Amino acid sequence: MAQPFAKLSKVAKLRSYPASMRKLMLEALFYLAWGRIMKMRPFAKVSPSLGDYMQETSYESDRDAHREAVQISKALHLVSPHVFWETECLVMAFAAMKMLERRKLPSTLYLGMRRDAKGSNAAHAWLRSGRFYLTGAKEIEQYTVVGRFAKQFN
């Protein structure tokens, strides 16, 4: 009996967000699916669309750009646990980058590597806009950057 009420509470929780966040969450859902498709493609085919290789965007951003990046990050993190496909770091970074690109906001995608406890290689991706890390920020100090892509707009 508790199951229908659990679903109702999720719907109620969704409705509790402002319309602007619900719209952003719907966009995040779309770009998480797009990011998953991008991850399945050969990286050599995807990389030209990611920006300037081994370049970085500025760490400076205005207040509105920072606020927009925070909202995008929040929407992605709210939606990603509820989809049925994998939304690990690279998928999240692809989605965030695309959402920023729609708003003509610069971003840098970082790709990192490290050795795990078993001696195997582990990879990670994270995305930054200005000084704010939208995705993957919790683990970045454990990784050595092996690639970065700067997406800039004039």
Protein backbone atom coordinates (compact mmCIF):
# COMPACT_ATOMS: atom_id res chain seq x y z
CA MET A 1 0.00 0.00 0.00
CA ALA A 2 2.86 2.40 0.70
CA GLN A 3 4.14 2.14 -2.89
CA PRO A 4 1.48 4.39 -4.55
CA PHE A 5 2.08 7.01 -1.87
CA ALA A 6 5.82 6.88 -2.52
CA LYS A 7 5.19 7.72 -6.17
CA LEU A 8 2.79 10.44 -5.19
CA SER A 9 5.44 11.98 -2.97
CA LYS A 10 7.90 12.02 -5.89
CA VAL A 11 5.33 13.80 -8.05
CA ALA A 12 4.61 16.21 -5.23
CA LYS A 13 8.33 16.81 -4.80
CA LEU A 14 8.69 17.50 -8.53
CA ARG A 15 5.80 19.95 -8.39
CA SER A 16 7.43 21.72 -5.46
CA TYR A 17 10.22 22.99 -7.72
CA PRO A 18 9.67 26.30 -9.52
CA ALA A 19 8.58 26.04 -13.15
CA SER A 20 11.99 27.30 -14.28
CA MET A 21 13.74 24.40 -12.49
CA ARG A 22 11.24 21.85 -13.82
CA LYS A 23 11.96 23.11 -17.33
CA LEU A 24 15.71 22.86 -16.68
CA MET A 25 15.25 19.33 -15.34
CA LEU A 26 13.44 18.33 -18.52
CA GLU A 27 16.31 19.78 -20.56
CA ALA A 28 18.77 17.89 -18.32
CA LEU A 29 16.88 14.66 -19.01
CA PHE A 30 17.19 15.22 -22.75
CA TYR A 31 20.92 16.05 -22.61
CA LEU A 32 21.71 13.15 -20.29
CA ALA A 33 20.26 10.86 -22.96
CA TRP A 34 22.24 12.75 -25.61
CA GLY A 35 25.40 12.45 -23.47
CA ARG A 36 24.91 8.70 -23.14
CA ILE A 37 24.65 8.37 -26.92
CA MET A 38 27.80 10.48 -27.32
CA LYS A 39 29.67 8.23 -24.88
CA MET A 40 28.81 5.17 -26.99
CA ARG A 41 30.38 6.72 -30.10
CA PRO A 42 34.11 6.44 -30.84
CA PHE A 43 35.90 9.25 -29.00
CA ALA A 44 37.75 10.27 -32.18
CA LYS A 45 34.35 11.10 -33.72
CA VAL A 46 33.13 12.97 -30.63
CA SER A 47 36.24 14.97 -29.71
CA PRO A 48 36.08 17.57 -32.52
CA SER A 49 32.74 18.78 -31.12
CA LEU A 50 34.11 19.24 -27.59
CA GLY A 51 36.12 22.39 -28.21
CA ASP A 52 39.77 23.36 -28.48
CA TYR A 53 42.02 20.48 -27.43
CA MET A 54 44.38 21.09 -24.48
CA GLN A 55 43.01 24.60 -23.97
CA GLU A 56 41.16 26.04 -20.98
CA THR A 57 38.52 28.69 -20.64
CA SER A 58 38.86 31.59 -18.23
CA TYR A 59 38.20 31.14 -14.53
CA GLU A 60 36.37 34.46 -14.56
CA SER A 61 32.61 34.69 -15.04
CA ASP A 62 29.91 37.16 -14.21
CA ARG A 63 27.30 36.59 -11.53
CA ASP A 64 24.53 35.65 -13.99
CA ALA A 65 26.73 33.08 -15.76
CA HIS A 66 27.72 31.57 -12.41
CA ARG A 67 24.09 31.40 -11.28
CA GLU A 68 23.10 29.71 -14.54
CA ALA A 69 25.90 27.14 -14.19
CA VAL A 70 24.82 26.35 -10.62
CA GLN A 71 21.22 25.81 -11.75
CA ILE A 72 22.32 23.54 -14.61
CA SER A 73 24.45 21.49 -12.23
CA LYS A 74 21.58 21.20 -9.76
CA ALA A 75 19.15 20.07 -12.48
CA LEU A 76 21.57 17.42 -13.75
CA HIS A 77 22.21 16.07 -10.26
CA LEU A 78 18.48 15.97 -9.48
CA VAL A 79 17.60 14.08 -12.66
CA SER A 80 20.53 11.69 -13.14
CA PRO A 81 19.70 9.25 -10.30
CA HIS A 82 16.23 8.68 -11.78
CA VAL A 83 17.06 7.66 -15.34
CA PHE A 84 17.44 4.04 -16.41
CA TRP A 85 20.72 4.52 -18.29
CA GLU A 86 24.24 5.08 -17.01
CA THR A 87 24.99 8.70 -16.15
CA GLU A 88 28.53 8.49 -14.84
CA CYS A 89 31.02 11.34 -15.04
CA LEU A 90 31.53 11.59 -18.81
CA VAL A 91 27.80 11.50 -19.57
CA MET A 92 27.19 14.20 -16.96
CA ALA A 93 30.04 16.33 -18.35
CA PHE A 94 28.75 15.99 -21.93
CA ALA A 95 25.24 16.97 -20.83
CA ALA A 96 26.43 19.96 -18.80
CA MET A 97 28.67 21.14 -21.63
CA LYS A 98 25.76 21.03 -24.08
CA MET A 99 23.45 22.88 -21.71
CA LEU A 100 26.07 25.60 -21.23
CA GLU A 101 26.66 25.73 -24.99
CA ARG A 102 22.95 26.44 -25.57
CA ARG A 103 23.40 29.51 -23.37
CA LYS A 104 26.69 30.50 -25.00
CA LEU A 105 28.54 30.03 -21.71
CA PRO A 106 32.16 28.83 -21.88
CA SER A 107 33.27 25.56 -20.33
CA THR A 108 36.28 23.30 -20.02
CA LEU A 109 35.93 19.52 -20.08
CA TYR A 110 38.72 17.71 -18.22
CA LEU A 111 39.70 14.07 -18.68
CA GLY A 112 41.81 12.48 -15.98
CA MET A 113 43.49 9.17 -15.18
CA ARG A 114 44.77 7.49 -12.01
CA ARG A 115 45.75 4.06 -10.79
CA ASP A 116 43.22 2.49 -8.45
CA ALA A 117 44.05 0.37 -5.39
CA LYS A 118 44.36 -2.75 -7.58
CA GLY A 119 46.85 -1.08 -9.92
CA SER A 120 44.34 -0.71 -12.74
CA ASN A 121 43.79 2.53 -14.59
CA ALA A 122 40.71 4.53 -13.66
CA ALA A 123 39.33 7.42 -15.70
CA HIS A 124 37.26 10.43 -14.70
CA ALA A 125 35.73 13.46 -16.41
CA TRP A 126 34.61 16.78 -14.99
CA LEU A 127 33.35 20.09 -16.32
CA ARG A 128 34.11 23.65 -15.23
CA SER A 129 32.59 26.99 -16.18
CA GLY A 130 34.31 29.99 -14.66
CA ARG A 131 35.40 28.92 -11.18
CA PHE A 132 32.46 26.55 -10.74
CA TYR A 133 32.74 22.80 -11.32
CA LEU A 134 29.37 21.58 -12.57
CA THR A 135 30.15 17.87 -12.57
CA GLY A 136 32.72 15.46 -11.15
CA ALA A 137 34.34 17.90 -8.74
CA LYS A 138 34.51 15.61 -5.70
CA GLU A 139 37.30 13.42 -7.03
CA ILE A 140 39.41 15.69 -9.23
CA GLU A 141 42.41 15.87 -6.90
CA GLN A 142 42.88 12.09 -7.30
CA TYR A 143 43.35 12.34 -11.07
CA THR A 144 46.04 13.59 -13.41
CA VAL A 145 44.63 15.61 -16.28
CA VAL A 146 45.43 13.87 -19.56
CA GLY A 147 43.17 15.95 -21.78
CA ARG A 148 41.04 19.05 -21.75
CA PHE A 149 38.71 20.73 -24.19
CA ALA A 150 37.75 24.40 -24.06
CA LYS A 151 34.40 25.47 -25.49
CA GLN A 152 34.40 29.25 -25.95
CA PHE A 153 32.00 31.75 -27.48
CA ASN A 154 32.68 35.26 -28.73
